[in-house]
Amino acid sequence: MVAAQKIIYYLYMLITALCAFFLVKHLFKRKEHKGIINDIVYALCIIPFILRILHIK
């Protein structure tokens, strides 16, 4: 049971890291919707991923 829990945890962290990577990549490569409001929305989407990676709940 502990092994399954660790596997699920590492899969979760992998998916979280991939989502954060793609969000950050898209943030810097966007061609349209360049405004402060969109920057705030991206930041609010990225912050939970960073907090999870740093083990801050």
PDB file of N, CA and C in Angstrom:
ATOM      1  N   MET A   1       0.823  -1.196   0.000  1.00  0.00           N
ATOM      2  CA  MET A   1       0.000   0.000   0.000  1.00  0.00           C
ATOM      3  C   MET A   1       0.869   1.262   0.000  1.00  0.00           C
ATOM      4  N   VAL A   2       1.975   1.225   0.730  1.00  0.00           N
ATOM      5  CA  VAL A   2       2.868   2.381   0.788  1.00  0.00           C
ATOM      6  C   VAL A   2       3.505   2.621  -0.571  1.00  0.00           C
ATOM      7  N   ALA A   3       3.854   1.550  -1.264  1.00  0.00           N
ATOM      8  CA  ALA A   3       4.462   1.690  -2.592  1.00  0.00           C
ATOM      9  C   ALA A   3       3.471   2.326  -3.571  1.00  0.00           C
ATOM     10  N   ALA A   4       2.229   1.919  -3.520  1.00  0.00           N
ATOM     11  CA  ALA A   4       1.208   2.501  -4.396  1.00  0.00           C
ATOM     12  C   ALA A   4       1.012   3.988  -4.090  1.00  0.00           C
ATOM     13  N   GLN A   5       1.054   4.333  -2.821  1.00  0.00           N
ATOM     14  CA  GLN A   5       0.896   5.721  -2.429  1.00  0.00           C
ATOM     15  C   GLN A   5       2.059   6.564  -2.955  1.00  0.00           C
ATOM     16  N   LYS A   6       3.263   6.040  -2.871  1.00  0.00           N
ATOM     17  CA  LYS A   6       4.430   6.770  -3.381  1.00  0.00           C
ATOM     18  C   LYS A   6       4.372   6.917  -4.897  1.00  0.00           C
ATOM     19  N   ILE A   7       3.919   5.884  -5.589  1.00  0.00           N
ATOM     20  CA  ILE A   7       3.797   5.947  -7.048  1.00  0.00           C
ATOM     21  C   ILE A   7       2.787   7.016  -7.440  1.00  0.00           C
ATOM     22  N   ILE A   8       1.654   7.043  -6.765  1.00  0.00           N
ATOM     23  CA  ILE A   8       0.625   8.043  -7.050  1.00  0.00           C
ATOM     24  C   ILE A   8       1.153   9.442  -6.752  1.00  0.00           C
ATOM     25  N   TYR A   9       1.887   9.594  -5.666  1.00  0.00           N
ATOM     26  CA  TYR A   9       2.445  10.892  -5.296  1.00  0.00           C
ATOM     27  C   TYR A   9       3.422  11.385  -6.358  1.00  0.00           C
ATOM     28  N   TYR A  10       4.311  10.514  -6.819  1.00  0.00           N
ATOM     29  CA  TYR A  10       5.291  10.913  -7.831  1.00  0.00           C
ATOM     30  C   TYR A  10       4.622  11.194  -9.177  1.00  0.00           C
ATOM     31  N   LEU A  11       3.589  10.462  -9.525  1.00  0.00           N
ATOM     32  CA  LEU A  11       2.836  10.760 -10.740  1.00  0.00           C
ATOM     33  C   LEU A  11       2.155  12.120 -10.637  1.00  0.00           C
ATOM     34  N   TYR A  12       1.616  12.412  -9.482  1.00  0.00           N
ATOM     35  CA  TYR A  12       0.975  13.706  -9.245  1.00  0.00           C
ATOM     36  C   TYR A  12       1.992  14.837  -9.393  1.00  0.00           C
ATOM     37  N   MET A  13       3.165  14.667  -8.809  1.00  0.00           N
ATOM     38  CA  MET A  13       4.200  15.690  -8.915  1.00  0.00           C
ATOM     39  C   MET A  13       4.672  15.854 -10.359  1.00  0.00           C
ATOM     40  N   LEU A  14       4.770  14.769 -11.097  1.00  0.00           N
ATOM     41  CA  LEU A  14       5.168  14.832 -12.500  1.00  0.00           C
ATOM     42  C   LEU A  14       4.142  15.602 -13.321  1.00  0.00           C
ATOM     43  N   ILE A  15       2.874  15.288 -13.123  1.00  0.00           N
ATOM     44  CA  ILE A  15       1.815  15.982 -13.855  1.00  0.00           C
ATOM     45  C   ILE A  15       1.784  17.461 -13.464  1.00  0.00           C
ATOM     46  N   THR A  16       1.972  17.752 -12.188  1.00  0.00           N
ATOM     47  CA  THR A  16       2.009  19.133 -11.723  1.00  0.00           C
ATOM     48  C   THR A  16       3.157  19.891 -12.364  1.00  0.00           C
ATOM     49  N   ALA A  17       4.328  19.277 -12.425  1.00  0.00           N
ATOM     50  CA  ALA A  17       5.488  19.930 -13.037  1.00  0.00           C
ATOM     51  C   ALA A  17       5.265  20.173 -14.524  1.00  0.00           C
ATOM     52  N   LEU A  18       4.679  19.216 -15.218  1.00  0.00           N
ATOM     53  CA  LEU A  18       4.404  19.394 -16.648  1.00  0.00           C
ATOM     54  C   LEU A  18       3.409  20.531 -16.896  1.00  0.00           C
ATOM     55  N   CYS A  19       2.364  20.578 -16.090  1.00  0.00           N
ATOM     56  CA  CYS A  19       1.370  21.653 -16.244  1.00  0.00           C
ATOM     57  C   CYS A  19       2.004  23.017 -15.974  1.00  0.00           C
ATOM     58  N   ALA A  20       2.809  23.118 -14.936  1.00  0.00           N
ATOM     59  CA  ALA A  20       3.470  24.387 -14.624  1.00  0.00           C
ATOM     60  C   ALA A  20       4.427  24.779 -15.747  1.00  0.00           C
ATOM     61  N   PHE A  21       5.159  23.812 -16.289  1.00  0.00           N
ATOM     62  CA  PHE A  21       6.081  24.094 -17.391  1.00  0.00           C
ATOM     63  C   PHE A  21       5.337  24.649 -18.595  1.00  0.00           C
ATOM     64  N   PHE A  22       4.242  24.018 -18.977  1.00  0.00           N
ATOM     65  CA  PHE A  22       3.494  24.481 -20.138  1.00  0.00           C
ATOM     66  C   PHE A  22       2.822  25.835 -19.889  1.00  0.00           C
ATOM     67  N   LEU A  23       2.378  26.078 -18.665  1.00  0.00           N
ATOM     68  CA  LEU A  23       1.814  27.387 -18.352  1.00  0.00           C
ATOM     69  C   LEU A  23       2.868  28.489 -18.477  1.00  0.00           C
ATOM     70  N   VAL A  24       4.056  28.229 -17.940  1.00  0.00           N
ATOM     71  CA  VAL A  24       5.123  29.230 -18.009  1.00  0.00           C
ATOM     72  C   VAL A  24       5.573  29.427 -19.460  1.00  0.00           C
ATOM     73  N   LYS A  25       5.689  28.338 -20.207  1.00  0.00           N
ATOM     74  CA  LYS A  25       6.100  28.434 -21.606  1.00  0.00           C
ATOM     75  C   LYS A  25       5.082  29.252 -22.406  1.00  0.00           C
ATOM     76  N   HIS A  26       3.823  28.991 -22.192  1.00  0.00           N
ATOM     77  CA  HIS A  26       2.785  29.716 -22.909  1.00  0.00           C
ATOM     78  C   HIS A  26       2.724  31.183 -22.480  1.00  0.00           C
ATOM     79  N   LEU A  27       3.060  31.449 -21.231  1.00  0.00           N
ATOM     80  CA  LEU A  27       3.053  32.825 -20.732  1.00  0.00           C
ATOM     81  C   LEU A  27       4.021  33.697 -21.516  1.00  0.00           C
ATOM     82  N   PHE A  28       5.201  33.165 -21.836  1.00  0.00           N
ATOM     83  CA  PHE A  28       6.218  33.964 -22.517  1.00  0.00           C
ATOM     84  C   PHE A  28       6.109  33.923 -24.030  1.00  0.00           C
ATOM     85  N   LYS A  29       5.329  33.003 -24.593  1.00  0.00           N
ATOM     86  CA  LYS A  29       5.244  32.887 -26.043  1.00  0.00           C
ATOM     87  C   LYS A  29       3.890  33.299 -26.605  1.00  0.00           C
ATOM     88  N   ARG A  30       3.077  33.972 -25.844  1.00  0.00           N
ATOM     89  CA  ARG A  30       1.749  34.316 -26.347  1.00  0.00           C
ATOM     90  C   ARG A  30       1.834  35.498 -27.311  1.00  0.00           C
ATOM     91  N   LYS A  31       1.023  35.436 -28.332  1.00  0.00           N
ATOM     92  CA  LYS A  31       0.994  36.465 -29.364  1.00  0.00           C
ATOM     93  C   LYS A  31      -0.156  37.446 -29.142  1.00  0.00           C
ATOM     94  N   GLU A  32      -1.213  36.997 -28.487  1.00  0.00           N
ATOM     95  CA  GLU A  32      -2.361  37.863 -28.261  1.00  0.00           C
ATOM     96  C   GLU A  32      -2.695  37.863 -26.781  1.00  0.00           C
ATOM     97  N   HIS A  33      -3.572  38.726 -26.385  1.00  0.00           N
ATOM     98  CA  HIS A  33      -3.992  38.883 -24.980  1.00  0.00           C
ATOM     99  C   HIS A  33      -2.799  39.240 -24.093  1.00  0.00           C
ATOM    100  N   LYS A  34      -2.031  40.230 -24.499  1.00  0.00           N
ATOM    101  CA  LYS A  34      -0.894  40.677 -23.701  1.00  0.00           C
ATOM    102  C   LYS A  34      -1.343  41.845 -22.833  1.00  0.00           C
ATOM    103  N   GLY A  35      -1.686  41.550 -21.601  1.00  0.00           N
ATOM    104  CA  GLY A  35      -2.119  42.600 -20.689  1.00  0.00           C
ATOM    105  C   GLY A  35      -1.846  42.211 -19.257  1.00  0.00           C
ATOM    106  N   ILE A  36      -1.954  43.173 -18.380  1.00  0.00           N
ATOM    107  CA  ILE A  36      -1.674  42.931 -16.963  1.00  0.00           C
ATOM    108  C   ILE A  36      -2.674  41.953 -16.354  1.00  0.00           C
ATOM    109  N   ILE A  37      -3.918  41.995 -16.798  1.00  0.00           N
ATOM    110  CA  ILE A  37      -4.936  41.091 -16.261  1.00  0.00           C
ATOM    111  C   ILE A  37      -4.589  39.643 -16.608  1.00  0.00           C
ATOM    112  N   ASN A  38      -4.151  39.418 -17.834  1.00  0.00           N
ATOM    113  CA  ASN A  38      -3.772  38.063 -18.225  1.00  0.00           C
ATOM    114  C   ASN A  38      -2.529  37.589 -17.489  1.00  0.00           C
ATOM    115  N   ASP A  39      -1.594  38.503 -17.196  1.00  0.00           N
ATOM    116  CA  ASP A  39      -0.424  38.138 -16.398  1.00  0.00           C
ATOM    117  C   ASP A  39      -0.844  37.704 -14.996  1.00  0.00           C
ATOM    118  N   ILE A  40      -1.799  38.410 -14.432  1.00  0.00           N
ATOM    119  CA  ILE A  40      -2.292  38.050 -13.090  1.00  0.00           C
ATOM    120  C   ILE A  40      -2.970  36.688 -13.117  1.00  0.00           C
ATOM    121  N   VAL A  41      -3.761  36.424 -14.145  1.00  0.00           N
ATOM    122  CA  VAL A  41      -4.439  35.129 -14.256  1.00  0.00           C
ATOM    123  C   VAL A  41      -3.412  34.005 -14.380  1.00  0.00           C
ATOM    124  N   TYR A  42      -2.385  34.195 -15.211  1.00  0.00           N
ATOM    125  CA  TYR A  42      -1.341  33.184 -15.339  1.00  0.00           C
ATOM    126  C   TYR A  42      -0.625  32.969 -14.006  1.00  0.00           C
ATOM    127  N   ALA A  43      -0.339  34.053 -13.301  1.00  0.00           N
ATOM    128  CA  ALA A  43       0.329  33.927 -12.002  1.00  0.00           C
ATOM    129  C   ALA A  43      -0.541  33.148 -11.020  1.00  0.00           C
ATOM    130  N   LEU A  44      -1.841  33.427 -11.016  1.00  0.00           N
ATOM    131  CA  LEU A  44      -2.739  32.710 -10.110  1.00  0.00           C
ATOM    132  C   LEU A  44      -2.867  31.232 -10.481  1.00  0.00           C
ATOM    133  N   CYS A  45      -2.645  30.889 -11.736  1.00  0.00           N
ATOM    134  CA  CYS A  45      -2.671  29.487 -12.155  1.00  0.00           C
ATOM    135  C   CYS A  45      -1.357  28.776 -11.826  1.00  0.00           C
ATOM    136  N   ILE A  46      -0.250  29.493 -11.900  1.00  0.00           N
ATOM    137  CA  ILE A  46       1.062  28.890 -11.692  1.00  0.00           C
ATOM    138  C   ILE A  46       1.391  28.742 -10.208  1.00  0.00           C
ATOM    139  N   ILE A  47       0.940  29.658  -9.372  1.00  0.00           N
ATOM    140  CA  ILE A  47       1.280  29.642  -7.947  1.00  0.00           C
ATOM    141  C   ILE A  47       0.916  28.328  -7.263  1.00  0.00           C
ATOM    142  N   PRO A  48      -0.282  27.753  -7.453  1.00  0.00           N
ATOM    143  CA  PRO A  48      -0.574  26.478  -6.784  1.00  0.00           C
ATOM    144  C   PRO A  48       0.383  25.348  -7.185  1.00  0.00           C
ATOM    145  N   PHE A  49       0.807  25.329  -8.448  1.00  0.00           N
ATOM    146  CA  PHE A  49       1.752  24.305  -8.879  1.00  0.00           C
ATOM    147  C   PHE A  49       3.095  24.470  -8.172  1.00  0.00           C
ATOM    148  N   ILE A  50       3.554  25.701  -8.051  1.00  0.00           N
ATOM    149  CA  ILE A  50       4.825  25.953  -7.372  1.00  0.00           C
ATOM    150  C   ILE A  50       4.723  25.587  -5.900  1.00  0.00           C
ATOM    151  N   LEU A  51       3.618  25.924  -5.273  1.00  0.00           N
ATOM    152  CA  LEU A  51       3.437  25.589  -3.856  1.00  0.00           C
ATOM    153  C   LEU A  51       3.423  24.082  -3.629  1.00  0.00           C
ATOM    154  N   ARG A  52       2.799  23.331  -4.536  1.00  0.00           N
ATOM    155  CA  ARG A  52       2.782  21.873  -4.408  1.00  0.00           C
ATOM    156  C   ARG A  52       4.169  21.274  -4.558  1.00  0.00           C
ATOM    157  N   ILE A  53       4.931  21.798  -5.504  1.00  0.00           N
ATOM    158  CA  ILE A  53       6.284  21.282  -5.712  1.00  0.00           C
ATOM    159  C   ILE A  53       7.159  21.558  -4.493  1.00  0.00           C
ATOM    160  N   LEU A  54       6.957  22.717  -3.855  1.00  0.00           N
ATOM    161  CA  LEU A  54       7.728  23.078  -2.669  1.00  0.00           C
ATOM    162  C   LEU A  54       7.160  22.480  -1.379  1.00  0.00           C
ATOM    163  N   HIS A  55       6.111  21.691  -1.494  1.00  0.00           N
ATOM    164  CA  HIS A  55       5.446  21.021  -0.364  1.00  0.00           C
ATOM    165  C   HIS A  55       4.846  22.028   0.616  1.00  0.00           C
ATOM    166  N   ILE A  56       4.349  23.138   0.104  1.00  0.00           N
ATOM    167  CA  ILE A  56       3.658  24.124   0.934  1.00  0.00           C
ATOM    168  C   ILE A  56       2.174  23.980   0.629  1.00  0.00           C
ATOM    169  N   LYS A  57       1.386  23.705   1.658  1.00  0.00           N
ATOM    170  CA  LYS A  57      -0.041  23.483   1.436  1.00  0.00           C
ATOM    171  C   LYS A  57      -0.859  24.625   1.972  1.00  0.00           C
TER     172      LYS A  57
END
